C-alpha atoms as a PDB file:
ATOM      1  CA  MET A   1      -9.200-148.816-154.597  1.00  0.00           C
ATOM      2  CA  ARG A   2      -7.510-149.694-151.375  1.00  0.00           C
ATOM      3  CA  PHE A   3      -9.559-152.378-149.233  1.00  0.00           C
ATOM      4  CA  LEU A   4      -9.366-153.032-145.583  1.00  0.00           C
ATOM      5  CA  PHE A   5     -11.054-156.027-144.051  1.00  0.00           C
ATOM      6  CA  VAL A   6     -11.871-155.292-140.470  1.00  0.00           C
ATOM      7  CA  GLY A   7     -13.197-158.270-138.217  1.00  0.00           C
ATOM      8  CA  ASP A   8     -13.156-160.841-135.552  1.00  0.00           C
ATOM      9  CA  SER A   9     -12.122-164.769-135.540  1.00  0.00           C
ATOM     10  CA  MET A  10     -14.201-165.188-138.648  1.00  0.00           C
ATOM     11  CA  THR A  11     -12.160-162.742-140.567  1.00  0.00           C
ATOM     12  CA  ILE A  12      -8.781-163.232-139.367  1.00  0.00           C
ATOM     13  CA  GLY A  13      -9.031-167.135-139.682  1.00  0.00           C
ATOM     14  CA  SER A  14      -6.846-169.681-138.087  1.00  0.00           C
ATOM     15  CA  ALA A  15      -3.618-171.818-139.190  1.00  0.00           C
ATOM     16  CA  GLY A  16      -4.462-174.036-142.133  1.00  0.00           C
ATOM     17  CA  GLU A  17      -7.465-171.912-143.491  1.00  0.00           C
ATOM     18  CA  HIS A  18      -7.925-169.972-146.609  1.00  0.00           C
ATOM     19  CA  SER A  19     -10.217-167.326-144.716  1.00  0.00           C
ATOM     20  CA  TRP A  20     -13.008-165.415-146.586  1.00  0.00           C
ATOM     21  CA  ARG A  21     -10.488-162.628-147.228  1.00  0.00           C
ATOM     22  CA  TYR A  22      -8.576-165.131-149.601  1.00  0.00           C
ATOM     23  CA  ARG A  23     -12.021-165.738-151.468  1.00  0.00           C
ATOM     24  CA  MET A  24     -12.552-162.046-151.815  1.00  0.00           C
ATOM     25  CA  TRP A  25      -8.835-161.336-153.203  1.00  0.00           C
ATOM     26  CA  GLN A  26      -9.785-164.220-155.687  1.00  0.00           C
ATOM     27  CA  HIS A  27     -12.913-162.109-156.507  1.00  0.00           C
ATOM     28  CA  LEU A  28     -11.444-158.977-156.924  1.00  0.00           C
ATOM     29  CA  VAL A  29      -8.596-160.599-158.989  1.00  0.00           C
ATOM     30  CA  SER A  30     -11.297-162.235-161.419  1.00  0.00           C
ATOM     31  CA  THR A  31     -13.202-158.948-161.896  1.00  0.00           C
ATOM     32  CA  GLY A  32     -10.265-156.994-163.192  1.00  0.00           C
ATOM     33  CA  VAL A  33     -10.969-154.180-160.755  1.00  0.00           C
ATOM     34  CA  PRO A  34      -7.757-152.138-159.795  1.00  0.00           C
ATOM     35  CA  PHE A  35      -7.391-152.605-156.213  1.00  0.00           C
ATOM     36  CA  GLU A  36      -4.780-153.142-153.269  1.00  0.00           C
ATOM     37  CA  ILE A  37      -5.641-154.668-149.705  1.00  0.00           C
ATOM     38  CA  VAL A  38      -4.172-152.883-146.929  1.00  0.00           C
ATOM     39  CA  GLY A  39      -3.939-153.496-143.372  1.00  0.00           C
ATOM     40  CA  PRO A  40      -1.356-153.488-140.331  1.00  0.00           C
ATOM     41  CA  ARG A  41      -1.449-157.206-139.991  1.00  0.00           C
ATOM     42  CA  ARG A  42      -1.177-160.147-142.077  1.00  0.00           C
ATOM     43  CA  GLU A  43      -1.199-163.404-139.648  1.00  0.00           C
ATOM     44  CA  LEU A  44      -3.640-166.045-139.004  1.00  0.00           C
ATOM     45  CA  TYR A  45      -4.520-167.029-135.234  1.00  0.00           C
ATOM     46  CA  ASP A  46      -2.820-170.287-134.333  1.00  0.00           C
ATOM     47  CA  ILE A  47      -5.021-171.970-131.826  1.00  0.00           C
ATOM     48  CA  ALA A  48      -2.241-173.989-130.248  1.00  0.00           C
ATOM     49  CA  ALA A  49      -0.212-171.045-129.579  1.00  0.00           C
ATOM     50  CA  ASN A  50      -3.376-168.888-128.490  1.00  0.00           C
ATOM     51  CA  ALA A  51      -1.881-166.307-130.446  1.00  0.00           C
ATOM     52  CA  PRO A  52      -2.209-164.266-134.142  1.00  0.00           C
ATOM     53  CA  VAL A  53       1.467-165.871-135.151  1.00  0.00           C
ATOM     54  CA  SER A  54       0.624-168.265-138.062  1.00  0.00           C
ATOM     55  CA  HIS A  55       1.274-167.408-141.608  1.00  0.00           C
ATOM     56  CA  ALA A  56       0.196-171.168-142.768  1.00  0.00           C
ATOM     57  CA  TYR A  57      -2.325-169.984-145.214  1.00  0.00           C
ATOM     58  CA  ALA A  58      -3.996-173.077-146.985  1.00  0.00           C
ATOM     59  CA  ASP A  59      -2.804-171.609-150.259  1.00  0.00           C
ATOM     60  CA  PRO A  60       0.886-170.680-149.859  1.00  0.00           C
ATOM     61  CA  ASP A  61       0.758-168.797-153.090  1.00  0.00           C
ATOM     62  CA  PHE A  62      -1.852-166.433-151.564  1.00  0.00           C
ATOM     63  CA  PRO A  63       0.592-163.090-152.068  1.00  0.00           C
ATOM     64  CA  ALA A  64       1.871-161.395-148.897  1.00  0.00           C
ATOM     65  CA  ASP A  65       0.540-158.296-149.681  1.00  0.00           C
ATOM     66  CA  ALA A  66      -2.897-159.606-150.068  1.00  0.00           C
ATOM     67  CA  ARG A  67      -2.953-161.025-146.683  1.00  0.00           C
ATOM     68  CA  ARG A  68      -3.027-157.554-144.979  1.00  0.00           C
ATOM     69  CA  HIS A  69      -5.960-156.815-142.621  1.00  0.00           C
ATOM     70  CA  LEU A  70      -7.317-155.436-139.485  1.00  0.00           C
ATOM     71  CA  ALA A  71      -8.966-158.479-137.688  1.00  0.00           C
ATOM     72  CA  GLY A  72      -8.292-160.238-134.489  1.00  0.00           C
ATOM     73  CA  TRP A  73      -9.374-163.385-132.536  1.00  0.00           C
ATOM     74  CA  GLY A  74     -11.797-161.940-129.678  1.00  0.00           C
ATOM     75  CA  GLU A  75     -11.899-158.388-131.044  1.00  0.00           C
ATOM     76  CA  GLY A  76     -15.111-156.708-131.642  1.00  0.00           C
ATOM     77  CA  TRP A  77     -16.631-153.334-132.349  1.00  0.00           C
ATOM     78  CA  LEU A  78     -15.345-152.436-128.814  1.00  0.00           C
ATOM     79  CA  HIS A  79     -11.594-153.098-129.904  1.00  0.00           C
ATOM     80  CA  MET A  80     -11.698-151.503-133.485  1.00  0.00           C
ATOM     81  CA  ALA A  81     -13.393-148.204-132.963  1.00  0.00           C
ATOM     82  CA  PRO A  82     -10.285-146.680-130.826  1.00  0.00           C
ATOM     83  CA  VAL A  83      -7.941-147.962-133.437  1.00  0.00           C
ATOM     84  CA  ILE A  84      -9.797-147.513-136.996  1.00  0.00           C
ATOM     85  CA  ARG A  85      -8.876-143.586-137.172  1.00  0.00           C
ATOM     86  CA  GLU A  86      -5.090-144.227-137.077  1.00  0.00           C
ATOM     87  CA  THR A  87      -5.521-147.215-139.280  1.00  0.00           C
ATOM     88  CA  VAL A  88      -7.431-145.684-141.908  1.00  0.00           C
ATOM     89  CA  ALA A  89      -5.110-143.012-142.075  1.00  0.00           C
ATOM     90  CA  ALA A  90      -1.914-144.977-142.205  1.00  0.00           C
ATOM     91  CA  GLU A  91      -3.307-147.307-144.631  1.00  0.00           C
ATOM     92  CA  ARG A  92      -5.041-144.776-147.078  1.00  0.00           C
ATOM     93  CA  ALA A  93      -7.982-147.154-147.006  1.00  0.00           C
ATOM     94  CA  ASP A  94     -10.839-146.327-149.430  1.00  0.00           C
ATOM     95  CA  VAL A  95     -13.441-149.208-148.612  1.00  0.00           C
ATOM     96  CA  LEU A  96     -13.840-150.957-145.395  1.00  0.00           C
ATOM     97  CA  LEU A  97     -15.218-154.384-145.276  1.00  0.00           C
ATOM     98  CA  VAL A  98     -16.386-155.049-141.819  1.00  0.00           C
ATOM     99  CA  SER A  99     -17.605-158.253-140.078  1.00  0.00           C
ATOM    100  CA  LEU A 100     -17.952-157.520-136.242  1.00  0.00           C
ATOM    101  CA  GLY A 101     -20.333-157.708-133.429  1.00  0.00           C
ATOM    102  CA  LEU A 102     -20.781-161.465-132.471  1.00  0.00           C
ATOM    103  CA  ILE A 103     -17.771-161.305-129.875  1.00  0.00           C
ATOM    104  CA  ASP A 104     -18.986-158.415-128.525  1.00  0.00           C
ATOM    105  CA  LEU A 105     -22.439-159.443-127.842  1.00  0.00           C
ATOM    106  CA  GLY A 106     -21.168-162.871-126.530  1.00  0.00           C
ATOM    107  CA  PHE A 107     -18.491-161.427-124.143  1.00  0.00           C
ATOM    108  CA  TYR A 108     -18.355-157.414-123.611  1.00  0.00           C
ATOM    109  CA  THR A 109     -21.347-155.625-124.449  1.00  0.00           C
ATOM    110  CA  ASN A 110     -25.067-155.576-125.018  1.00  0.00           C
ATOM    111  CA  SER A 111     -26.783-154.582-128.180  1.00  0.00           C
ATOM    112  CA  ASP A 112     -27.259-150.926-127.382  1.00  0.00           C
ATOM    113  CA  GLN A 113     -23.623-150.670-126.176  1.00  0.00           C
ATOM    114  CA  THR A 114     -22.197-152.572-129.486  1.00  0.00           C
ATOM    115  CA  ALA A 115     -24.292-150.364-131.627  1.00  0.00           C
ATOM    116  CA  ALA A 116     -22.929-147.220-129.900  1.00  0.00           C
ATOM    117  CA  ASN A 117     -19.427-148.616-130.526  1.00  0.00           C
ATOM    118  CA  ALA A 118     -20.303-149.269-134.242  1.00  0.00           C
ATOM    119  CA  ARG A 119     -21.286-145.593-134.473  1.00  0.00           C
ATOM    120  CA  ALA A 120     -18.338-144.574-133.028  1.00  0.00           C
ATOM    121  CA  PHE A 121     -16.082-146.740-135.243  1.00  0.00           C
ATOM    122  CA  ILE A 122     -18.121-145.065-138.331  1.00  0.00           C
ATOM    123  CA  THR A 123     -17.136-141.451-136.976  1.00  0.00           C
ATOM    124  CA  GLU A 124     -13.579-142.301-136.073  1.00  0.00           C
ATOM    125  CA  ALA A 125     -13.084-144.034-139.621  1.00  0.00           C
ATOM    126  CA  ARG A 126     -14.459-140.701-141.462  1.00  0.00           C
ATOM    127  CA  LEU A 127     -12.091-138.422-139.191  1.00  0.00           C
ATOM    128  CA  ALA A 128      -9.191-140.275-141.245  1.00  0.00           C
ATOM    129  CA  ASN A 129     -11.013-140.341-144.533  1.00  0.00           C
ATOM    130  CA  PRO A 130     -14.197-138.289-144.977  1.00  0.00           C
ATOM    131  CA  TYR A 131     -14.814-140.056-148.219  1.00  0.00           C
ATOM    132  CA  VAL A 132     -14.226-143.474-147.168  1.00  0.00           C
ATOM    133  CA  ARG A 133     -16.676-146.210-148.124  1.00  0.00           C
ATOM    134  CA  MET A 134     -17.962-149.059-145.664  1.00  0.00           C
ATOM    135  CA  VAL A 135     -19.719-152.406-146.064  1.00  0.00           C
ATOM    136  CA  LEU A 136     -21.063-153.648-142.848  1.00  0.00           C
ATOM    137  CA  LEU A 137     -22.059-157.434-142.417  1.00  0.00           C
ATOM    138  CA  PRO A 138     -24.915-158.225-139.852  1.00  0.00           C
ATOM    139  CA  VAL A 139     -24.012-160.706-137.248  1.00  0.00           C
ATOM    140  CA  ILE A 140     -24.664-164.102-138.142  1.00  0.00           C
ATOM    141  CA  PRO A 141     -25.945-165.777-134.772  1.00  0.00           C
ATOM    142  CA  ASN A 142     -23.793-168.751-133.938  1.00  0.00           C
ATOM    143  CA  ILE A 143     -24.381-172.100-132.226  1.00  0.00           C
ATOM    144  CA  ARG A 144     -24.775-170.416-128.882  1.00  0.00           C
ATOM    145  CA  ALA A 145     -27.931-168.817-130.299  1.00  0.00           C
ATOM    146  CA  GLU A 146     -29.699-172.313-130.613  1.00  0.00           C
ATOM    147  CA  SER A 147     -29.501-172.808-126.845  1.00  0.00           C
ATOM    148  CA  ASP A 148     -29.221-169.216-125.406  1.00  0.00           C
ATOM    149  CA  ALA A 149     -32.572-167.341-126.302  1.00  0.00           C
ATOM    150  CA  PRO A 150     -31.492-163.998-124.576  1.00  0.00           C
ATOM    151  CA  PHE A 151     -28.285-164.002-126.755  1.00  0.00           C
ATOM    152  CA  ALA A 152     -30.116-164.711-129.804  1.00  0.00           C
ATOM    153  CA  ALA A 153     -32.578-161.931-129.199  1.00  0.00           C
ATOM    154  CA  GLU A 154     -29.544-159.562-128.471  1.00  0.00           C
ATOM    155  CA  CYS A 155     -28.015-160.728-131.799  1.00  0.00           C
ATOM    156  CA  ALA A 156     -31.425-159.877-133.619  1.00  0.00           C
ATOM    157  CA  ARG A 157     -31.957-156.713-131.855  1.00  0.00           C
ATOM    158  CA  PHE A 158     -28.257-155.527-132.696  1.00  0.00           C
ATOM    159  CA  ASN A 159     -28.627-156.420-136.404  1.00  0.00           C
ATOM    160  CA  VAL A 160     -31.779-153.895-136.564  1.00  0.00           C
ATOM    161  CA  LEU A 161     -29.716-151.227-134.782  1.00  0.00           C
ATOM    162  CA  LEU A 162     -27.036-151.752-136.964  1.00  0.00           C
ATOM    163  CA  ALA A 163     -29.202-151.364-140.157  1.00  0.00           C
ATOM    164  CA  LYS A 164     -30.614-148.031-138.420  1.00  0.00           C
ATOM    165  CA  ALA A 165     -27.091-146.915-137.891  1.00  0.00           C
ATOM    166  CA  ALA A 166     -26.259-147.460-141.363  1.00  0.00           C
ATOM    167  CA  ALA A 167     -29.404-145.724-142.908  1.00  0.00           C
ATOM    168  CA  ASP A 168     -28.694-142.668-140.265  1.00  0.00           C
ATOM    169  CA  LEU A 169     -25.063-142.288-140.977  1.00  0.00           C
ATOM    170  CA  ASP A 170     -25.120-143.154-144.758  1.00  0.00           C
ATOM    171  CA  THR A 171     -23.920-139.898-146.927  1.00  0.00           C
ATOM    172  CA  PRO A 172     -23.116-139.488-150.649  1.00  0.00           C
ATOM    173  CA  ALA A 173     -19.710-138.728-149.776  1.00  0.00           C
ATOM    174  CA  SER A 174     -19.002-141.686-147.472  1.00  0.00           C
ATOM    175  CA  PRO A 175     -21.760-144.245-148.314  1.00  0.00           C
ATOM    176  CA  ILE A 176     -22.590-147.120-146.046  1.00  0.00           C
ATOM    177  CA  LEU A 177     -24.014-150.188-147.092  1.00  0.00           C
ATOM    178  CA  LEU A 178     -25.354-153.029-145.008  1.00  0.00           C
ATOM    179  CA  ALA A 179     -24.845-156.112-146.781  1.00  0.00           C
ATOM    180  CA  SER A 180     -27.479-158.972-146.997  1.00  0.00           C
ATOM    181  CA  HIS A 181     -26.989-161.913-144.542  1.00  0.00           C
ATOM    182  CA  PRO A 182     -25.475-164.825-146.712  1.00  0.00           C
ATOM    183  CA  ALA A 183     -28.313-166.993-148.158  1.00  0.00           C
ATOM    184  CA  PRO A 184     -28.315-169.733-147.545  1.00  0.00           C
ATOM    185  CA  TYR A 185     -25.751-169.908-144.657  1.00  0.00           C
ATOM    186  CA  ASP A 186     -26.120-172.939-142.387  1.00  0.00           C
ATOM    187  CA  ILE A 187     -23.874-172.962-139.252  1.00  0.00           C
ATOM    188  CA  HIS A 188     -23.993-176.555-139.227  1.00  0.00           C
ATOM    189  CA  THR A 189     -22.357-177.149-142.874  1.00  0.00           C
ATOM    190  CA  ASP A 190     -20.815-173.687-143.444  1.00  0.00           C
ATOM    191  CA  THR A 191     -18.540-173.716-140.359  1.00  0.00           C
ATOM    192  CA  TYR A 192     -16.265-176.346-138.556  1.00  0.00           C
ATOM    193  CA  ASP A 193     -17.668-175.546-135.071  1.00  0.00           C
ATOM    194  CA  GLY A 194     -20.786-173.725-135.343  1.00  0.00           C
ATOM    195  CA  THR A 195     -19.104-170.179-135.639  1.00  0.00           C
ATOM    196  CA  HIS A 196     -16.039-170.214-137.540  1.00  0.00           C
ATOM    197  CA  PRO A 197     -16.692-170.603-141.568  1.00  0.00           C
ATOM    198  CA  GLY A 198     -15.248-173.556-143.250  1.00  0.00           C
ATOM    199  CA  PRO A 199     -14.890-173.282-147.190  1.00  0.00           C
ATOM    200  CA  THR A 200     -18.178-172.864-148.190  1.00  0.00           C
ATOM    201  CA  GLY A 201     -18.784-170.382-145.422  1.00  0.00           C
ATOM    202  CA  GLU A 202     -15.564-168.274-146.564  1.00  0.00           C
ATOM    203  CA  THR A 203     -17.124-168.463-150.097  1.00  0.00           C
ATOM    204  CA  LYS A 204     -20.535-167.077-148.924  1.00  0.00           C
ATOM    205  CA  LEU A 205     -19.194-164.373-146.714  1.00  0.00           C
ATOM    206  CA  ALA A 206     -17.034-163.108-149.534  1.00  0.00           C
ATOM    207  CA  GLY A 207     -20.147-163.378-151.867  1.00  0.00           C
ATOM    208  CA  ALA A 208     -22.340-161.377-149.396  1.00  0.00           C
ATOM    209  CA  PHE A 209     -19.799-158.387-149.350  1.00  0.00           C
ATOM    210  CA  ALA A 210     -18.818-158.594-153.196  1.00  0.00           C
ATOM    211  CA  THR A 211     -22.807-158.647-154.173  1.00  0.00           C
ATOM    212  CA  ALA A 212     -23.415-155.586-151.776  1.00  0.00           C
ATOM    213  CA  MET A 213     -20.853-153.539-153.812  1.00  0.00           C
ATOM    214  CA  HIS A 214     -21.650-154.860-157.175  1.00  0.00           C
ATOM    215  CA  GLN A 215     -25.447-154.092-156.544  1.00  0.00           C
ATOM    216  CA  ALA A 216     -25.134-150.823-154.736  1.00  0.00           C
ATOM    217  CA  TRP A 217     -22.064-149.259-156.469  1.00  0.00           C
ATOM    218  CA  GLY A 218     -21.299-151.283-159.666  1.00  0.00           C
ATOM    219  CA  LEU A 219     -18.113-152.242-158.282  1.00  0.00           C
ATOM    220  CA  GLY A 220     -16.718-155.436-159.384  1.00  0.00           C
ATOM    221  CA  GLY A 221     -18.572-158.083-161.398  1.00  0.00           C
ATOM    222  CA  ALA A 222     -21.104-160.584-159.938  1.00  0.00           C
ATOM    223  CA  TYR A 223     -19.956-162.868-157.604  1.00  0.00           C
ATOM    224  CA  ALA A 224     -18.778-166.157-158.671  1.00  0.00           C
ATOM    225  CA  ALA A 225     -16.885-168.793-156.530  1.00  0.00           C
ATOM    226  CA  VAL A 226     -13.644-169.090-157.791  1.00  0.00           C
END
């Protein structure tokens, strides 16, 4: 299977980090499932340069091909929906592991507009591969939600709309899973700034995706942090 990671700053990661993509790669290797990670990008975000130009992964032995992804700092459903069809086609992706929405709700679109972009993303991905599988992670409210009640409400409402989209659009040919919120996930201990995952957060995000695929599709084994 050819896996494509799609996400925002939580998925691309920044210089010096492992990223949850690395944790997922470790898991897939440990299960013995034949797989390939695909995507048009390999970089981490460099905060000092304010650009995705770093290759300084915490583990320098992380294979170059396994670093591939479609993730961007500041990018959301709004940005990925227009490019997912061409990416799925070019990379021949079979499974999309998607973590998007927080940046949309924080800066670009309300919950209804964000949900509409998520539905457009699904439609576009299927135009490239009618049999593509998708695992969608609900938005994990960040530290802003603790002091911004309207933003917290929009995050909660979007997660309801995302669950509805997954239920409405799921098909036997192109199944959609809604991963469970990583539990327990504490933004004060599992992130380094209230938003972006630290080592424990990376492990829990990878575990949410791995558990969903194992429980629903029998894909891989039960998740265990490597």
